[in-house]
Amino acid sequence: MTFSQAFSGFNSTRCVILTSGTLSPMLSFSSELGTKFPIQLEANHVITSSQVWIGTLCSGPQGRQLCASYQNTESFEFQDELGHLILSICKTIPYGVLCFFTSYKMLEKLVNRWKTVGVWEELNQQKTVVCEPRTGNKADFDEVMMTFYEAVNCANHNNSIDNNDGALFLAVFRGKVSEGLDFIDNNARAVITVSWLS
């Protein structure tokens, strides 16, 4: 079933209000639904281009190449350099930092390596570090989210118990954290994606 077939039941409806931060561009969205929207409002983005930096980092703070191909992600050199890069970002960016990996396997491999070489401890001295739970247990996920939000909130009010300046959330693409959650303001001052380009 296509989107337009599913939406066709609304054709006789007098009023449909669709709101989202990701419906733009409306022309292609309208085409996908097979419906014209005679009244539309598309607001400008709230962040200006001078407030955002988007870039690709090909090397880490120690000058080692960062290419996240499967073969490279298996090497300790890549894993250590990536850990130091994320630590450097966490030392530079206050409050919330989100970091996404291609899989839970990759996330777990990196966490284990960083615990072995001491990067994990350094990250936790800088920020409260939480990992997206692999299980679908809502209670576990809610607990991790609460820990993240509380750490960022404490940093906002300068009353962090362990003197860190926020939280680092390690998650996976297509996981719960990347789909449909709103990390506003200080909850996401930086977003890091670790993947290979295809």
N, C-alpha and C. Protein backbone atom coordinates (compact mmCIF):
# COMPACT_ATOMS: atom_id res chain seq x y z
N MET A 1 0.84 -1.18 0.00
CA MET A 1 0.00 0.00 0.00
C MET A 1 0.89 1.24 0.00
N THR A 2 0.56 2.20 -0.85
CA THR A 2 1.33 3.45 -0.92
C THR A 2 0.77 4.45 0.08
N PHE A 3 1.54 5.51 0.32
CA PHE A 3 1.08 6.56 1.22
C PHE A 3 -0.19 7.20 0.70
N SER A 4 -0.24 7.41 -0.62
CA SER A 4 -1.43 8.06 -1.19
C SER A 4 -2.67 7.18 -1.04
N GLN A 5 -2.51 5.86 -1.14
CA GLN A 5 -3.65 4.98 -0.92
C GLN A 5 -4.12 5.04 0.53
N ALA A 6 -3.18 5.05 1.45
CA ALA A 6 -3.54 5.11 2.87
C ALA A 6 -4.20 6.44 3.21
N PHE A 7 -3.75 7.52 2.59
CA PHE A 7 -4.27 8.85 2.91
C PHE A 7 -5.56 9.16 2.17
N SER A 8 -5.93 8.38 1.16
CA SER A 8 -7.11 8.67 0.33
C SER A 8 -8.40 8.69 1.14
N GLY A 9 -8.43 8.01 2.27
CA GLY A 9 -9.62 8.04 3.12
C GLY A 9 -9.90 9.41 3.72
N PHE A 10 -8.92 10.29 3.68
CA PHE A 10 -9.10 11.64 4.24
C PHE A 10 -9.56 12.64 3.18
N ASN A 11 -9.71 12.23 1.92
CA ASN A 11 -10.06 13.16 0.85
C ASN A 11 -11.39 13.87 1.07
N SER A 12 -12.33 13.24 1.72
CA SER A 12 -13.62 13.89 1.95
C SER A 12 -13.65 14.66 3.28
N THR A 13 -12.58 14.66 3.99
CA THR A 13 -12.50 15.37 5.27
C THR A 13 -12.38 16.86 5.01
N ARG A 14 -13.10 17.66 5.83
CA ARG A 14 -13.07 19.11 5.64
C ARG A 14 -11.75 19.74 6.05
N CYS A 15 -11.12 19.21 7.10
CA CYS A 15 -9.92 19.86 7.61
C CYS A 15 -8.92 18.81 8.11
N VAL A 16 -7.72 18.91 7.63
CA VAL A 16 -6.63 18.06 8.10
C VAL A 16 -5.47 18.99 8.44
N ILE A 17 -4.98 18.86 9.66
CA ILE A 17 -3.83 19.67 10.08
C ILE A 17 -2.66 18.72 10.29
N LEU A 18 -1.60 18.92 9.53
CA LEU A 18 -0.38 18.13 9.67
C LEU A 18 0.72 19.06 10.18
N THR A 19 1.35 18.68 11.27
CA THR A 19 2.45 19.49 11.79
C THR A 19 3.65 18.60 12.05
N SER A 20 4.80 19.13 11.74
CA SER A 20 6.03 18.38 11.96
C SER A 20 7.20 19.28 11.61
N GLY A 21 8.34 18.93 12.14
CA GLY A 21 9.54 19.65 11.77
C GLY A 21 10.21 19.05 10.55
N THR A 22 9.64 17.97 10.01
CA THR A 22 10.32 17.28 8.91
C THR A 22 9.43 17.05 7.68
N LEU A 23 8.37 17.81 7.50
CA LEU A 23 7.50 17.63 6.35
C LEU A 23 7.99 18.39 5.12
N SER A 24 8.91 19.28 5.30
CA SER A 24 9.40 20.09 4.20
C SER A 24 10.35 19.27 3.32
N PRO A 25 10.31 19.45 2.02
CA PRO A 25 9.50 20.38 1.25
C PRO A 25 8.08 19.85 1.05
N MET A 26 7.13 20.74 1.17
CA MET A 26 5.72 20.35 1.12
C MET A 26 5.31 19.81 -0.25
N LEU A 27 5.93 20.29 -1.31
CA LEU A 27 5.55 19.84 -2.65
C LEU A 27 5.74 18.32 -2.79
N SER A 28 6.88 17.81 -2.39
CA SER A 28 7.11 16.36 -2.50
C SER A 28 6.25 15.60 -1.51
N PHE A 29 6.02 16.18 -0.33
CA PHE A 29 5.17 15.53 0.67
C PHE A 29 3.74 15.43 0.15
N SER A 30 3.24 16.49 -0.44
CA SER A 30 1.91 16.51 -1.02
C SER A 30 1.80 15.46 -2.13
N SER A 31 2.83 15.36 -2.95
CA SER A 31 2.85 14.38 -4.04
C SER A 31 2.81 12.95 -3.49
N GLU A 32 3.58 12.69 -2.44
CA GLU A 32 3.59 11.35 -1.84
C GLU A 32 2.22 10.95 -1.30
N LEU A 33 1.50 11.92 -0.74
CA LEU A 33 0.17 11.63 -0.19
C LEU A 33 -0.93 11.70 -1.24
N GLY A 34 -0.61 12.20 -2.44
CA GLY A 34 -1.61 12.30 -3.50
C GLY A 34 -2.71 13.29 -3.16
N THR A 35 -2.36 14.33 -2.42
CA THR A 35 -3.33 15.32 -1.95
C THR A 35 -2.75 16.72 -2.09
N LYS A 36 -3.59 17.66 -2.48
CA LYS A 36 -3.16 19.06 -2.50
C LYS A 36 -3.55 19.70 -1.18
N PHE A 37 -2.66 20.54 -0.69
CA PHE A 37 -2.92 21.29 0.54
C PHE A 37 -3.05 22.76 0.17
N PRO A 38 -4.30 23.28 0.06
CA PRO A 38 -4.48 24.65 -0.41
C PRO A 38 -3.95 25.70 0.57
N ILE A 39 -3.95 25.38 1.84
CA ILE A 39 -3.43 26.32 2.84
C ILE A 39 -2.22 25.67 3.51
N GLN A 40 -1.09 26.36 3.43
CA GLN A 40 0.14 25.83 4.00
C GLN A 40 0.88 26.92 4.74
N LEU A 41 1.57 26.53 5.78
CA LEU A 41 2.45 27.43 6.50
C LEU A 41 3.77 26.71 6.71
N GLU A 42 4.81 27.26 6.15
CA GLU A 42 6.15 26.72 6.38
C GLU A 42 6.97 27.82 7.02
N ALA A 43 7.31 27.61 8.27
CA ALA A 43 8.06 28.62 9.01
C ALA A 43 9.55 28.51 8.67
N ASN A 44 10.23 29.62 8.80
CA ASN A 44 11.67 29.61 8.62
C ASN A 44 12.31 28.80 9.75
N HIS A 45 13.50 28.30 9.48
CA HIS A 45 14.21 27.56 10.50
C HIS A 45 14.61 28.52 11.60
N VAL A 46 14.58 28.07 12.83
CA VAL A 46 14.86 28.96 13.96
C VAL A 46 16.35 29.18 14.17
N ILE A 47 17.18 28.41 13.50
CA ILE A 47 18.62 28.53 13.67
C ILE A 47 19.20 29.11 12.39
N THR A 48 20.00 30.15 12.54
CA THR A 48 20.64 30.74 11.36
C THR A 48 21.90 29.95 11.01
N SER A 49 22.37 30.13 9.80
CA SER A 49 23.55 29.40 9.34
C SER A 49 24.80 29.74 10.16
N SER A 50 24.83 30.92 10.77
CA SER A 50 25.99 31.28 11.59
C SER A 50 26.01 30.54 12.93
N GLN A 51 24.91 29.88 13.27
CA GLN A 51 24.82 29.15 14.54
C GLN A 51 25.09 27.66 14.38
N VAL A 52 25.37 27.21 13.16
CA VAL A 52 25.53 25.78 12.91
C VAL A 52 26.84 25.53 12.17
N TRP A 53 27.52 24.47 12.55
CA TRP A 53 28.67 24.02 11.78
C TRP A 53 28.44 22.56 11.44
N ILE A 54 28.53 22.24 10.17
CA ILE A 54 28.41 20.86 9.71
C ILE A 54 29.68 20.54 8.95
N GLY A 55 30.31 19.46 9.33
CA GLY A 55 31.56 19.13 8.67
C GLY A 55 31.90 17.67 8.79
N THR A 56 32.90 17.27 8.06
CA THR A 56 33.41 15.91 8.10
C THR A 56 34.81 15.96 8.67
N LEU A 57 35.06 15.16 9.69
CA LEU A 57 36.39 15.11 10.28
C LEU A 57 37.08 13.84 9.80
N CYS A 58 38.19 14.02 9.12
CA CYS A 58 38.90 12.88 8.54
C CYS A 58 40.04 12.40 9.42
N SER A 59 40.36 13.17 10.46
CA SER A 59 41.40 12.75 11.39
C SER A 59 41.03 13.23 12.78
N GLY A 60 41.62 12.58 13.78
CA GLY A 60 41.35 12.91 15.16
C GLY A 60 42.38 13.86 15.74
N PRO A 61 42.33 14.10 17.04
CA PRO A 61 43.22 15.07 17.68
C PRO A 61 44.69 14.66 17.67
N GLN A 62 44.97 13.38 17.49
CA GLN A 62 46.36 12.92 17.43
C GLN A 62 46.84 12.75 15.99
N GLY A 63 46.01 13.21 15.03
CA GLY A 63 46.40 13.21 13.63
C GLY A 63 46.17 11.89 12.90
N ARG A 64 45.59 10.92 13.57
CA ARG A 64 45.34 9.64 12.91
C ARG A 64 44.09 9.73 12.05
N GLN A 65 44.13 9.03 10.91
CA GLN A 65 43.01 9.04 9.97
C GLN A 65 41.79 8.38 10.59
N LEU A 66 40.62 8.96 10.35
CA LEU A 66 39.35 8.40 10.80
C LEU A 66 38.51 8.03 9.59
N CYS A 67 38.55 6.78 9.22
CA CYS A 67 37.71 6.26 8.14
C CYS A 67 36.95 5.09 8.75
N ALA A 68 35.63 5.25 8.89
CA ALA A 68 34.83 4.28 9.63
C ALA A 68 34.36 3.11 8.78
N SER A 69 35.22 2.61 7.92
CA SER A 69 34.88 1.38 7.19
C SER A 69 34.91 0.23 8.19
N TYR A 70 34.28 -0.87 7.84
CA TYR A 70 34.24 -2.01 8.76
C TYR A 70 35.64 -2.43 9.16
N GLN A 71 36.53 -2.53 8.18
CA GLN A 71 37.90 -2.98 8.46
C GLN A 71 38.60 -2.02 9.43
N ASN A 72 38.44 -0.72 9.23
CA ASN A 72 39.11 0.26 10.10
C ASN A 72 38.52 0.29 11.50
N THR A 73 37.21 0.12 11.62
CA THR A 73 36.60 0.19 12.96
C THR A 73 37.06 -0.95 13.85
N GLU A 74 37.61 -1.99 13.26
CA GLU A 74 38.13 -3.12 14.04
C GLU A 74 39.50 -2.82 14.64
N SER A 75 40.18 -1.79 14.14
CA SER A 75 41.54 -1.51 14.62
C SER A 75 41.51 -0.68 15.90
N PHE A 76 42.42 -0.98 16.81
CA PHE A 76 42.53 -0.23 18.06
C PHE A 76 42.92 1.22 17.78
N GLU A 77 43.71 1.45 16.73
CA GLU A 77 44.12 2.81 16.39
C GLU A 77 42.89 3.67 16.09
N PHE A 78 41.97 3.15 15.27
CA PHE A 78 40.73 3.89 14.96
C PHE A 78 39.91 4.09 16.23
N GLN A 79 39.70 3.03 16.99
CA GLN A 79 38.87 3.10 18.19
C GLN A 79 39.41 4.11 19.20
N ASP A 80 40.72 4.11 19.40
CA ASP A 80 41.33 5.03 20.36
C ASP A 80 41.24 6.48 19.86
N GLU A 81 41.52 6.67 18.58
CA GLU A 81 41.48 8.03 18.02
C GLU A 81 40.06 8.59 18.06
N LEU A 82 39.08 7.75 17.76
CA LEU A 82 37.69 8.20 17.83
C LEU A 82 37.32 8.56 19.27
N GLY A 83 37.74 7.75 20.21
CA GLY A 83 37.47 8.06 21.62
C GLY A 83 38.07 9.39 22.03
N HIS A 84 39.31 9.65 21.61
CA HIS A 84 39.94 10.93 21.94
C HIS A 84 39.26 12.10 21.23
N LEU A 85 38.77 11.87 20.02
CA LEU A 85 38.04 12.92 19.31
C LEU A 85 36.74 13.26 20.04
N ILE A 86 35.99 12.25 20.43
CA ILE A 86 34.74 12.50 21.15
C ILE A 86 35.02 13.18 22.48
N LEU A 87 36.08 12.77 23.17
CA LEU A 87 36.47 13.42 24.42
C LEU A 87 36.81 14.89 24.18
N SER A 88 37.55 15.17 23.11
CA SER A 88 37.90 16.55 22.78
C SER A 88 36.64 17.40 22.52
N ILE A 89 35.69 16.83 21.79
CA ILE A 89 34.43 17.53 21.52
C ILE A 89 33.68 17.78 22.83
N CYS A 90 33.65 16.78 23.70
CA CYS A 90 32.96 16.92 24.99
C CYS A 90 33.61 17.97 25.88
N LYS A 91 34.91 18.14 25.76
CA LYS A 91 35.61 19.18 26.54
C LYS A 91 35.34 20.57 25.98
N THR A 92 35.00 20.64 24.70
CA THR A 92 34.77 21.92 24.03
C THR A 92 33.31 22.35 24.09
N ILE A 93 32.40 21.40 23.96
CA ILE A 93 30.97 21.70 23.86
C ILE A 93 30.30 21.41 25.20
N PRO A 94 29.69 22.41 25.83
CA PRO A 94 28.99 22.15 27.09
C PRO A 94 27.63 21.50 26.88
N TYR A 95 27.05 21.03 27.96
CA TYR A 95 25.70 20.48 27.99
C TYR A 95 25.59 19.15 27.25
N GLY A 96 24.57 18.99 26.42
CA GLY A 96 24.29 17.70 25.81
C GLY A 96 25.00 17.48 24.48
N VAL A 97 25.58 16.27 24.35
CA VAL A 97 26.21 15.85 23.09
C VAL A 97 25.63 14.49 22.73
N LEU A 98 25.18 14.35 21.49
CA LEU A 98 24.65 13.09 21.00
C LEU A 98 25.66 12.49 20.04
N CYS A 99 25.86 11.18 20.13
CA CYS A 99 26.79 10.50 19.23
C CYS A 99 26.13 9.22 18.73
N PHE A 100 26.03 9.10 17.40
CA PHE A 100 25.35 7.96 16.78
C PHE A 100 26.33 7.05 16.05
N PHE A 101 26.11 5.75 16.21
CA PHE A 101 26.92 4.72 15.57
C PHE A 101 26.04 3.88 14.65
N THR A 102 26.67 3.09 13.79
CA THR A 102 25.92 2.30 12.81
C THR A 102 25.22 1.10 13.42
N SER A 103 25.68 0.63 14.58
CA SER A 103 25.06 -0.56 15.17
C SER A 103 25.36 -0.63 16.66
N TYR A 104 24.56 -1.44 17.35
CA TYR A 104 24.84 -1.70 18.77
C TYR A 104 26.17 -2.42 18.92
N LYS A 105 26.49 -3.28 17.97
CA LYS A 105 27.75 -4.01 18.02
C LYS A 105 28.93 -3.04 18.02
N MET A 106 28.88 -2.06 17.14
CA MET A 106 29.95 -1.07 17.07
C MET A 106 30.01 -0.25 18.36
N LEU A 107 28.85 0.19 18.84
CA LEU A 107 28.80 0.97 20.08
C LEU A 107 29.42 0.18 21.23
N GLU A 108 29.02 -1.07 21.38
CA GLU A 108 29.52 -1.91 22.49
C GLU A 108 31.02 -2.17 22.35
N LYS A 109 31.49 -2.39 21.12
CA LYS A 109 32.92 -2.62 20.89
C LYS A 109 33.73 -1.40 21.32
N LEU A 110 33.25 -0.21 20.96
CA LEU A 110 33.96 1.01 21.30
C LEU A 110 33.94 1.26 22.81
N VAL A 111 32.79 1.08 23.43
CA VAL A 111 32.71 1.27 24.88
C VAL A 111 33.67 0.33 25.60
N ASN A 112 33.70 -0.92 25.20
CA ASN A 112 34.62 -1.89 25.82
C ASN A 112 36.07 -1.47 25.65
N ARG A 113 36.43 -1.02 24.45
CA ARG A 113 37.80 -0.58 24.20
C ARG A 113 38.13 0.65 25.06
N TRP A 114 37.22 1.61 25.08
CA TRP A 114 37.48 2.84 25.84
C TRP A 114 37.60 2.56 27.34
N LYS A 115 36.86 1.57 27.83
CA LYS A 115 37.00 1.19 29.24
C LYS A 115 38.39 0.58 29.49
N THR A 116 38.90 -0.16 28.53
CA THR A 116 40.21 -0.80 28.67
C THR A 116 41.34 0.22 28.69
N VAL A 117 41.25 1.26 27.85
CA VAL A 117 42.37 2.20 27.70
C VAL A 117 42.20 3.49 28.52
N GLY A 118 41.09 3.62 29.26
CA GLY A 118 40.91 4.79 30.12
C GLY A 118 40.14 5.94 29.54
N VAL A 119 39.79 5.88 28.25
CA VAL A 119 39.03 6.97 27.64
C VAL A 119 37.64 7.07 28.26
N TRP A 120 37.05 5.92 28.59
CA TRP A 120 35.71 5.90 29.19
C TRP A 120 35.70 6.70 30.50
N GLU A 121 36.71 6.50 31.32
CA GLU A 121 36.80 7.22 32.60
C GLU A 121 36.94 8.72 32.35
N GLU A 122 37.76 9.09 31.37
CA GLU A 122 37.93 10.52 31.05
C GLU A 122 36.62 11.12 30.54
N LEU A 123 35.89 10.39 29.71
CA LEU A 123 34.61 10.88 29.22
C LEU A 123 33.65 11.11 30.38
N ASN A 124 33.63 10.17 31.33
CA ASN A 124 32.73 10.28 32.48
C ASN A 124 33.14 11.38 33.45
N GLN A 125 34.41 11.77 33.44
CA GLN A 125 34.84 12.91 34.25
C GLN A 125 34.35 14.22 33.63
N GLN A 126 34.19 14.22 32.31
CA GLN A 126 33.76 15.42 31.61
C GLN A 126 32.24 15.53 31.55
N LYS A 127 31.57 14.41 31.27
CA LYS A 127 30.12 14.39 31.13
C LYS A 127 29.56 13.09 31.70
N THR A 128 28.30 13.11 32.05
CA THR A 128 27.61 11.87 32.39
C THR A 128 27.38 11.13 31.08
N VAL A 129 27.89 9.92 30.98
CA VAL A 129 27.79 9.17 29.72
C VAL A 129 26.71 8.10 29.86
N VAL A 130 25.77 8.10 28.92
CA VAL A 130 24.72 7.09 28.89
C VAL A 130 24.70 6.44 27.52
N CYS A 131 24.28 5.20 27.48
CA CYS A 131 24.18 4.44 26.22
C CYS A 131 22.73 4.03 25.99
N GLU A 132 22.31 4.12 24.75
CA GLU A 132 20.98 3.65 24.38
C GLU A 132 20.89 2.15 24.68
N PRO A 133 19.88 1.75 25.47
CA PRO A 133 19.76 0.32 25.76
C PRO A 133 19.38 -0.47 24.51
N ARG A 134 19.96 -1.64 24.40
CA ARG A 134 19.72 -2.48 23.23
C ARG A 134 18.34 -3.12 23.28
N THR A 135 17.84 -3.36 24.45
CA THR A 135 16.53 -4.01 24.60
C THR A 135 15.41 -3.01 24.35
N GLY A 136 14.25 -3.50 24.07
CA GLY A 136 13.08 -2.66 23.84
C GLY A 136 12.34 -2.31 25.12
N ASN A 137 12.94 -2.60 26.28
CA ASN A 137 12.28 -2.35 27.56
C ASN A 137 12.10 -0.85 27.77
N LYS A 138 10.84 -0.40 27.82
CA LYS A 138 10.54 1.03 27.97
C LYS A 138 11.07 1.60 29.27
N ALA A 139 10.99 0.84 30.36
CA ALA A 139 11.47 1.33 31.66
C ALA A 139 12.97 1.61 31.61
N ASP A 140 13.75 0.72 30.98
CA ASP A 140 15.19 0.93 30.85
C ASP A 140 15.48 2.18 30.03
N PHE A 141 14.77 2.33 28.93
CA PHE A 141 14.98 3.49 28.06
C PHE A 141 14.62 4.78 28.79
N ASP A 142 13.48 4.79 29.48
CA ASP A 142 13.05 5.98 30.21
C ASP A 142 14.06 6.37 31.29
N GLU A 143 14.66 5.37 31.94
CA GLU A 143 15.66 5.65 32.97
C GLU A 143 16.91 6.30 32.38
N VAL A 144 17.34 5.80 31.24
CA VAL A 144 18.51 6.38 30.57
C VAL A 144 18.21 7.81 30.12
N MET A 145 17.03 8.03 29.56
CA MET A 145 16.65 9.38 29.12
C MET A 145 16.62 10.34 30.31
N MET A 146 16.07 9.89 31.44
CA MET A 146 15.99 10.73 32.63
C MET A 146 17.39 11.09 33.13
N THR A 147 18.30 10.13 33.12
CA THR A 147 19.68 10.38 33.54
C THR A 147 20.32 11.44 32.65
N PHE A 148 20.12 11.32 31.33
CA PHE A 148 20.67 12.28 30.39
C PHE A 148 20.11 13.68 30.64
N TYR A 149 18.78 13.79 30.69
CA TYR A 149 18.14 15.10 30.88
C TYR A 149 18.55 15.73 32.21
N GLU A 150 18.63 14.94 33.27
CA GLU A 150 19.01 15.47 34.58
C GLU A 150 20.43 16.00 34.58
N ALA A 151 21.35 15.28 33.92
CA ALA A 151 22.74 15.74 33.86
C ALA A 151 22.85 17.05 33.09
N VAL A 152 22.13 17.17 31.99
CA VAL A 152 22.14 18.42 31.22
C VAL A 152 21.51 19.54 32.04
N ASN A 153 20.40 19.25 32.70
CA ASN A 153 19.72 20.25 33.51
C ASN A 153 20.60 20.73 34.66
N CYS A 154 21.30 19.82 35.31
CA CYS A 154 22.22 20.21 36.40
C CYS A 154 23.32 21.11 35.86
N ALA A 155 23.85 20.80 34.69
CA ALA A 155 24.89 21.64 34.09
C ALA A 155 24.33 23.01 33.73
N ASN A 156 23.05 23.07 33.31
CA ASN A 156 22.39 24.34 33.00
C ASN A 156 22.38 25.26 34.21
N HIS A 157 22.20 24.65 35.38
CA HIS A 157 22.05 25.43 36.62
C HIS A 157 23.32 25.41 37.48
N ASN A 158 24.43 24.95 36.89
CA ASN A 158 25.72 24.92 37.59
C ASN A 158 25.66 24.22 38.93
N ASN A 159 24.87 23.16 39.03
CA ASN A 159 24.81 22.43 40.30
C ASN A 159 25.06 20.94 40.10
N SER A 160 25.99 20.64 39.20
CA SER A 160 26.34 19.24 38.96
C SER A 160 27.10 18.69 40.15
N ILE A 161 26.69 17.53 40.62
CA ILE A 161 27.31 16.91 41.78
C ILE A 161 28.75 16.49 41.49
N ASP A 162 29.00 15.96 40.30
CA ASP A 162 30.34 15.45 39.98
C ASP A 162 31.16 16.41 39.12
N ASN A 163 30.76 17.69 39.09
CA ASN A 163 31.49 18.74 38.37
C ASN A 163 31.61 18.52 36.87
N ASN A 164 30.75 17.68 36.28
CA ASN A 164 30.80 17.57 34.83
C ASN A 164 29.92 18.65 34.22
N ASP A 165 30.02 18.82 32.91
CA ASP A 165 29.29 19.93 32.28
C ASP A 165 28.19 19.45 31.34
N GLY A 166 27.54 18.35 31.68
CA GLY A 166 26.43 17.89 30.86
C GLY A 166 26.43 16.39 30.69
N ALA A 167 26.00 15.94 29.51
CA ALA A 167 25.88 14.50 29.27
C ALA A 167 26.23 14.17 27.83
N LEU A 168 26.72 12.96 27.65
CA LEU A 168 27.01 12.40 26.33
C LEU A 168 26.11 11.19 26.16
N PHE A 169 25.34 11.20 25.08
CA PHE A 169 24.42 10.09 24.80
C PHE A 169 24.96 9.31 23.61
N LEU A 170 25.36 8.06 23.85
CA LEU A 170 25.83 7.18 22.79
C LEU A 170 24.65 6.34 22.31
N ALA A 171 24.36 6.39 21.02
CA ALA A 171 23.16 5.75 20.48
C ALA A 171 23.46 5.18 19.09
N VAL A 172 22.43 4.60 18.48
CA VAL A 172 22.59 4.02 17.15
C VAL A 172 21.60 4.63 16.16
N PHE A 173 22.02 4.66 14.89
CA PHE A 173 21.10 5.08 13.84
C PHE A 173 19.90 4.14 13.84
N ARG A 174 18.73 4.68 13.58
CA ARG A 174 17.49 3.93 13.51
C ARG A 174 17.07 3.34 14.87
N GLY A 175 17.70 3.76 15.94
CA GLY A 175 17.30 3.33 17.27
C GLY A 175 16.27 4.30 17.83
N LYS A 176 15.88 4.10 19.07
CA LYS A 176 14.86 4.96 19.68
C LYS A 176 15.31 6.40 19.80
N VAL A 177 16.59 6.62 20.09
CA VAL A 177 17.08 7.98 20.30
C VAL A 177 17.05 8.78 19.00
N SER A 178 17.32 8.12 17.87
CA SER A 178 17.38 8.83 16.60
C SER A 178 16.02 9.02 15.94
N GLU A 179 15.00 8.40 16.45
CA GLU A 179 13.69 8.44 15.80
C GLU A 179 12.63 9.10 16.68
N GLY A 180 12.32 10.34 16.37
CA GLY A 180 11.15 10.96 16.97
C GLY A 180 11.33 11.63 18.32
N LEU A 181 12.53 11.65 18.88
CA LEU A 181 12.74 12.37 20.13
C LEU A 181 13.22 13.78 19.81
N ASP A 182 12.83 14.72 20.65
CA ASP A 182 13.18 16.11 20.43
C ASP A 182 14.24 16.52 21.45
N PHE A 183 15.45 16.73 20.98
CA PHE A 183 16.53 17.19 21.85
C PHE A 183 16.69 18.69 21.61
N ILE A 184 15.96 19.47 22.40
CA ILE A 184 15.95 20.92 22.20
C ILE A 184 17.04 21.61 23.00
N ASP A 185 17.40 22.76 22.54
CA ASP A 185 18.31 23.67 23.22
C ASP A 185 19.56 22.97 23.73
N ASN A 186 19.80 23.02 25.04
CA ASN A 186 21.04 22.48 25.60
C ASN A 186 21.12 20.97 25.58
N ASN A 187 20.03 20.29 25.27
CA ASN A 187 20.07 18.83 25.23
C ASN A 187 20.87 18.29 24.04
N ALA A 188 21.10 19.12 23.04
CA ALA A 188 21.88 18.66 21.87
C ALA A 188 22.69 19.83 21.31
N ARG A 189 23.73 20.19 21.99
CA ARG A 189 24.62 21.25 21.51
C ARG A 189 25.56 20.75 20.42
N ALA A 190 25.71 19.42 20.35
CA ALA A 190 26.51 18.82 19.28
C ALA A 190 25.94 17.45 18.95
N VAL A 191 25.99 17.10 17.68
CA VAL A 191 25.57 15.78 17.22
C VAL A 191 26.72 15.22 16.39
N ILE A 192 27.19 14.04 16.80
CA ILE A 192 28.29 13.38 16.12
C ILE A 192 27.73 12.12 15.46
N THR A 193 28.06 11.90 14.21
CA THR A 193 27.66 10.66 13.55
C THR A 193 28.92 9.93 13.10
N VAL A 194 29.01 8.67 13.47
CA VAL A 194 30.16 7.85 13.11
C VAL A 194 29.68 6.80 12.12
N SER A 195 30.04 6.99 10.86
CA SER A 195 29.58 6.07 9.82
C SER A 195 30.50 6.19 8.63
N TRP A 196 30.32 5.30 7.69
CA TRP A 196 31.07 5.40 6.45
C TRP A 196 30.15 5.95 5.39
N LEU A 197 30.74 6.68 4.47
CA LEU A 197 29.97 7.26 3.37
C LEU A 197 29.84 6.24 2.28
N SER A 198 28.64 6.13 1.73
CA SER A 198 28.46 5.17 0.64
C SER A 198 27.98 5.87 -0.60
